[in-house]
Amino acid sequence: MDTHKRTIVKTITWRIIATATTVLTIYLWTKDLSLALGSGLFANALKTIFYYIHERLWNKTDFGRLPVSAKTSRQK
């Protein structure tokens, strides 16, 4: 299970990439830097919160995880 700190760092690094992608896409489409920055930052602030919640919910399930003993035997 990931720690809250790890989830937060993953969330922040991913959102930096996603924000840059959104801002660049809107800017290339509209040529309006103010609109691109405003839209990109607002949308991605919301997405950051939803991503964190999503990660924490997934951490509560064992779906798709190997048992600890299976992980250890695969690493050998």
Protein backbone atom coordinates (compact mmCIF):
# COMPACT_ATOMS: atom_id res chain seq x y z
CA MET A 1 0.00 0.00 0.00
CA ASP A 2 1.28 3.46 -0.88
CA THR A 3 1.73 6.02 1.85
CA HIS A 4 -0.19 9.31 1.74
CA LYS A 5 3.12 11.10 1.06
CA ARG A 6 3.86 8.89 -1.97
CA THR A 7 0.34 9.41 -3.33
CA ILE A 8 0.67 13.18 -2.91
CA VAL A 9 4.03 13.28 -4.72
CA LYS A 10 2.68 11.09 -7.55
CA THR A 11 -0.36 13.34 -7.79
CA ILE A 12 1.72 16.52 -7.98
CA THR A 13 4.21 15.23 -10.55
CA TRP A 14 1.46 13.87 -12.79
CA ARG A 15 -0.57 17.07 -12.54
CA ILE A 16 2.47 19.15 -13.58
CA ILE A 17 2.71 17.08 -16.76
CA ALA A 18 -1.06 17.19 -17.34
CA THR A 19 -1.27 20.95 -16.68
CA ALA A 20 1.52 21.68 -19.13
CA THR A 21 -0.21 19.51 -21.73
CA THR A 22 -3.55 21.28 -21.21
CA VAL A 23 -2.06 24.77 -21.30
CA LEU A 24 -0.05 23.99 -24.43
CA THR A 25 -3.04 22.45 -26.20
CA ILE A 26 -5.34 25.40 -25.41
CA TYR A 27 -2.65 27.89 -26.37
CA LEU A 28 -1.95 26.20 -29.71
CA TRP A 29 -5.68 26.11 -30.41
CA THR A 30 -6.53 29.70 -29.36
CA LYS A 31 -3.20 31.58 -29.35
CA ASP A 32 -4.49 33.19 -26.11
CA LEU A 33 -1.97 32.65 -23.31
CA SER A 34 -4.22 34.13 -20.63
CA LEU A 35 -7.08 31.78 -21.52
CA ALA A 36 -4.70 28.82 -21.75
CA LEU A 37 -3.15 29.46 -18.34
CA GLY A 38 -6.44 30.23 -16.61
CA SER A 39 -8.25 27.22 -18.04
CA GLY A 40 -5.32 24.88 -17.56
CA LEU A 41 -4.68 25.84 -13.96
CA PHE A 42 -8.34 25.79 -12.89
CA ALA A 43 -9.15 22.47 -14.52
CA ASN A 44 -6.02 20.82 -13.24
CA ALA A 45 -6.49 22.05 -9.67
CA LEU A 46 -9.81 20.19 -9.63
CA LYS A 47 -8.30 17.15 -11.31
CA THR A 48 -5.55 17.01 -8.68
CA ILE A 49 -8.12 16.65 -5.93
CA PHE A 50 -10.07 13.98 -7.82
CA TYR A 51 -6.88 12.05 -8.69
CA TYR A 52 -5.81 11.94 -5.03
CA ILE A 53 -9.23 10.62 -3.99
CA HIS A 54 -9.12 8.07 -6.82
CA GLU A 55 -5.68 6.81 -5.75
CA ARG A 56 -6.70 6.49 -2.10
CA LEU A 57 -9.84 4.55 -3.03
CA TRP A 58 -7.83 2.18 -5.22
CA ASN A 59 -5.41 1.67 -2.34
CA LYS A 60 -8.28 0.23 -0.29
CA THR A 61 -8.78 -2.68 -2.67
CA ASP A 62 -6.57 -5.66 -3.42
CA PHE A 63 -7.86 -5.94 -6.99
CA GLY A 64 -4.98 -6.86 -9.30
CA ARG A 65 -2.38 -7.10 -6.53
CA LEU A 66 -0.26 -10.15 -5.93
CA PRO A 67 -0.07 -11.60 -2.43
CA VAL A 68 3.13 -10.65 -0.60
CA SER A 69 4.46 -14.22 -0.92
CA ALA A 70 3.95 -14.17 -4.71
CA LYS A 71 5.82 -10.85 -4.99
CA THR A 72 8.76 -12.21 -3.03
CA SER A 73 9.00 -15.40 -5.11
CA ARG A 74 8.84 -13.41 -8.39
CA GLN A 75 11.72 -11.17 -7.32
CA LYS A 76 14.14 -14.07 -6.88
